[in-house]
C-alpha atoms as a PDB file:
ATOM      1  CA  MET A   1     -35.121 -22.535  26.497  1.00  0.00           C
ATOM      2  CA  ASN A   2     -35.323 -18.923  27.653  1.00  0.00           C
ATOM      3  CA  LYS A   3     -31.561 -18.889  28.035  1.00  0.00           C
ATOM      4  CA  LEU A   4     -31.236 -19.692  24.307  1.00  0.00           C
ATOM      5  CA  PHE A   5     -33.397 -16.685  23.439  1.00  0.00           C
ATOM      6  CA  ILE A   6     -31.360 -14.451  25.719  1.00  0.00           C
ATOM      7  CA  LEU A   7     -28.072 -15.644  24.235  1.00  0.00           C
ATOM      8  CA  GLY A   8     -29.464 -15.224  20.725  1.00  0.00           C
ATOM      9  CA  ALA A   9     -30.529 -11.658  21.475  1.00  0.00           C
ATOM     10  CA  ARG A  10     -27.104 -10.847  22.888  1.00  0.00           C
ATOM     11  CA  MET A  11     -25.414 -12.291  19.799  1.00  0.00           C
ATOM     12  CA  ARG A  12     -27.637 -10.228  17.490  1.00  0.00           C
ATOM     13  CA  ASN A  13     -26.950  -7.046  19.439  1.00  0.00           C
ATOM     14  CA  LYS A  14     -23.214  -7.647  19.339  1.00  0.00           C
ATOM     15  CA  ALA A  15     -23.345  -8.537  15.638  1.00  0.00           C
ATOM     16  CA  ASP A  16     -25.228  -5.290  14.943  1.00  0.00           C
ATOM     17  CA  LYS A  17     -22.542  -3.367  16.809  1.00  0.00           C
ATOM     18  CA  VAL A  18     -19.831  -5.134  14.764  1.00  0.00           C
ATOM     19  CA  VAL A  19     -21.553  -3.981  11.566  1.00  0.00           C
ATOM     20  CA  GLU A  20     -21.698  -0.410  12.910  1.00  0.00           C
ATOM     21  CA  LEU A  21     -18.009  -0.547  13.775  1.00  0.00           C
ATOM     22  CA  GLU A  22     -17.127  -1.872  10.317  1.00  0.00           C
ATOM     23  CA  GLU A  23     -18.996   1.062   8.753  1.00  0.00           C
ATOM     24  CA  SER A  24     -17.212   3.509  11.054  1.00  0.00           C
ATOM     25  CA  ILE A  25     -13.856   2.003  10.138  1.00  0.00           C
ATOM     26  CA  LYS A  26     -14.663   2.364   6.427  1.00  0.00           C
ATOM     27  CA  GLU A  27     -15.545   6.024   6.987  1.00  0.00           C
ATOM     28  CA  LEU A  28     -12.311   6.568   8.879  1.00  0.00           C
ATOM     29  CA  ASN A  29     -10.370   5.006   6.013  1.00  0.00           C
ATOM     30  CA  LYS A  30     -12.065   7.411   3.597  1.00  0.00           C
ATOM     31  CA  ARG A  31     -11.203  10.337   5.858  1.00  0.00           C
ATOM     32  CA  SER A  32      -7.626   9.114   6.012  1.00  0.00           C
ATOM     33  CA  GLU A  33      -7.424   9.030   2.219  1.00  0.00           C
ATOM     34  CA  LEU A  34      -8.744  12.595   2.026  1.00  0.00           C
ATOM     35  CA  GLU A  35      -6.193  13.748   4.584  1.00  0.00           C
ATOM     36  CA  ALA A  36      -3.417  12.017   2.645  1.00  0.00           C
ATOM     37  CA  LYS A  37      -4.435  13.991  -0.443  1.00  0.00           C
ATOM     38  CA  LYS A  38      -4.256  17.182   1.610  1.00  0.00           C
ATOM     39  CA  LEU A  39      -0.737  16.179   2.601  1.00  0.00           C
ATOM     40  CA  GLU A  40       0.277  16.175  -1.055  1.00  0.00           C
ATOM     41  CA  GLN A  41      -1.063  19.716  -1.387  1.00  0.00           C
ATOM     42  CA  ALA A  42       0.379  21.071   1.855  1.00  0.00           C
ATOM     43  CA  GLY A  43       2.628  24.004   1.133  1.00  0.00           C
ATOM     44  CA  THR A  44       3.963  24.800   4.577  1.00  0.00           C
ATOM     45  CA  ASP A  45       5.317  22.900   7.555  1.00  0.00           C
ATOM     46  CA  GLU A  46       2.293  24.061   9.564  1.00  0.00           C
ATOM     47  CA  GLU A  47      -0.080  22.526   7.020  1.00  0.00           C
ATOM     48  CA  VAL A  48       1.934  19.300   7.007  1.00  0.00           C
ATOM     49  CA  SER A  49       1.863  19.197  10.822  1.00  0.00           C
ATOM     50  CA  ALA A  50      -1.898  19.787  10.917  1.00  0.00           C
ATOM     51  CA  VAL A  51      -2.555  17.003   8.420  1.00  0.00           C
ATOM     52  CA  GLU A  52      -0.138  14.711  10.244  1.00  0.00           C
ATOM     53  CA  LYS A  53      -2.024  15.270  13.514  1.00  0.00           C
ATOM     54  CA  ASN A  54      -5.344  14.576  11.789  1.00  0.00           C
ATOM     55  CA  LEU A  55      -3.960  11.364  10.310  1.00  0.00           C
ATOM     56  CA  GLU A  56      -2.663  10.265  13.715  1.00  0.00           C
ATOM     57  CA  ASP A  57      -6.048  10.989  15.325  1.00  0.00           C
ATOM     58  CA  ILE A  58      -7.870   9.068  12.606  1.00  0.00           C
ATOM     59  CA  GLN A  59      -5.495   6.115  12.983  1.00  0.00           C
ATOM     60  CA  LYS A  60      -5.934   6.091  16.759  1.00  0.00           C
ATOM     61  CA  GLU A  61      -9.722   6.094  16.427  1.00  0.00           C
ATOM     62  CA  SER A  62      -9.561   3.365  13.793  1.00  0.00           C
ATOM     63  CA  ASP A  63      -7.315   1.220  16.007  1.00  0.00           C
ATOM     64  CA  GLU A  64      -9.730   1.631  18.925  1.00  0.00           C
ATOM     65  CA  LYS A  65     -12.689   0.601  16.777  1.00  0.00           C
ATOM     66  CA  GLU A  66     -10.773  -2.399  15.418  1.00  0.00           C
ATOM     67  CA  ALA A  67      -9.964  -3.508  18.969  1.00  0.00           C
ATOM     68  CA  GLU A  68     -13.600  -3.105  20.025  1.00  0.00           C
ATOM     69  CA  LYS A  69     -14.734  -5.048  16.957  1.00  0.00           C
ATOM     70  CA  GLU A  70     -12.314  -7.873  17.735  1.00  0.00           C
ATOM     71  CA  GLN A  71     -13.521  -7.996  21.343  1.00  0.00           C
ATOM     72  CA  LEU A  72     -17.151  -8.207  20.201  1.00  0.00           C
ATOM     73  CA  GLU A  73     -16.317 -10.953  17.731  1.00  0.00           C
ATOM     74  CA  ASN A  74     -14.702 -12.932  20.554  1.00  0.00           C
ATOM     75  CA  GLU A  75     -17.770 -12.389  22.734  1.00  0.00           C
ATOM     76  CA  ILE A  76     -20.030 -13.556  19.895  1.00  0.00           C
ATOM     77  CA  GLU A  77     -17.937 -16.692  19.533  1.00  0.00           C
ATOM     78  CA  ASP A  78     -18.246 -17.341  23.271  1.00  0.00           C
ATOM     79  CA  LEU A  79     -22.022 -16.916  23.062  1.00  0.00           C
ATOM     80  CA  LYS A  80     -22.174 -19.332  20.124  1.00  0.00           C
ATOM     81  CA  ASN A  81     -20.266 -21.873  22.198  1.00  0.00           C
ATOM     82  CA  GLN A  82     -22.724 -21.415  25.060  1.00  0.00           C
ATOM     83  CA  VAL A  83     -25.659 -21.955  22.687  1.00  0.00           C
ATOM     84  CA  GLU A  84     -24.054 -25.116  21.316  1.00  0.00           C
ATOM     85  CA  GLU A  85     -23.481 -26.383  24.846  1.00  0.00           C
ATOM     86  CA  LEU A  86     -27.103 -25.730  25.799  1.00  0.00           C
ATOM     87  CA  ASN A  87     -28.294 -27.465  22.644  1.00  0.00           C
ATOM     88  CA  ARG A  88     -26.182 -30.519  23.480  1.00  0.00           C
ATOM     89  CA  LYS A  89     -27.674 -30.682  26.958  1.00  0.00           C
ATOM     90  CA  ALA A  90     -31.244 -30.284  25.680  1.00  0.00           C
END
């Protein structure tokens, strides 16, 4: 029985982290949109290069957060399977 509580707590913690990551990804998408608007207004190659670097950095961070989110979702699924297995045995 205690194992069920432990698994449930782990699932909740991971689910909370997934929500945080989703919010971070949304913020990064907003930042990306703002940078894209700056690109339209860039008047020099230096400005274009600076915006391009910012966009690349934002994309890299977003990709990392997406990968972390996917990993957590897989871990949550594994925990759910463990809970189901324990419930079957109980």
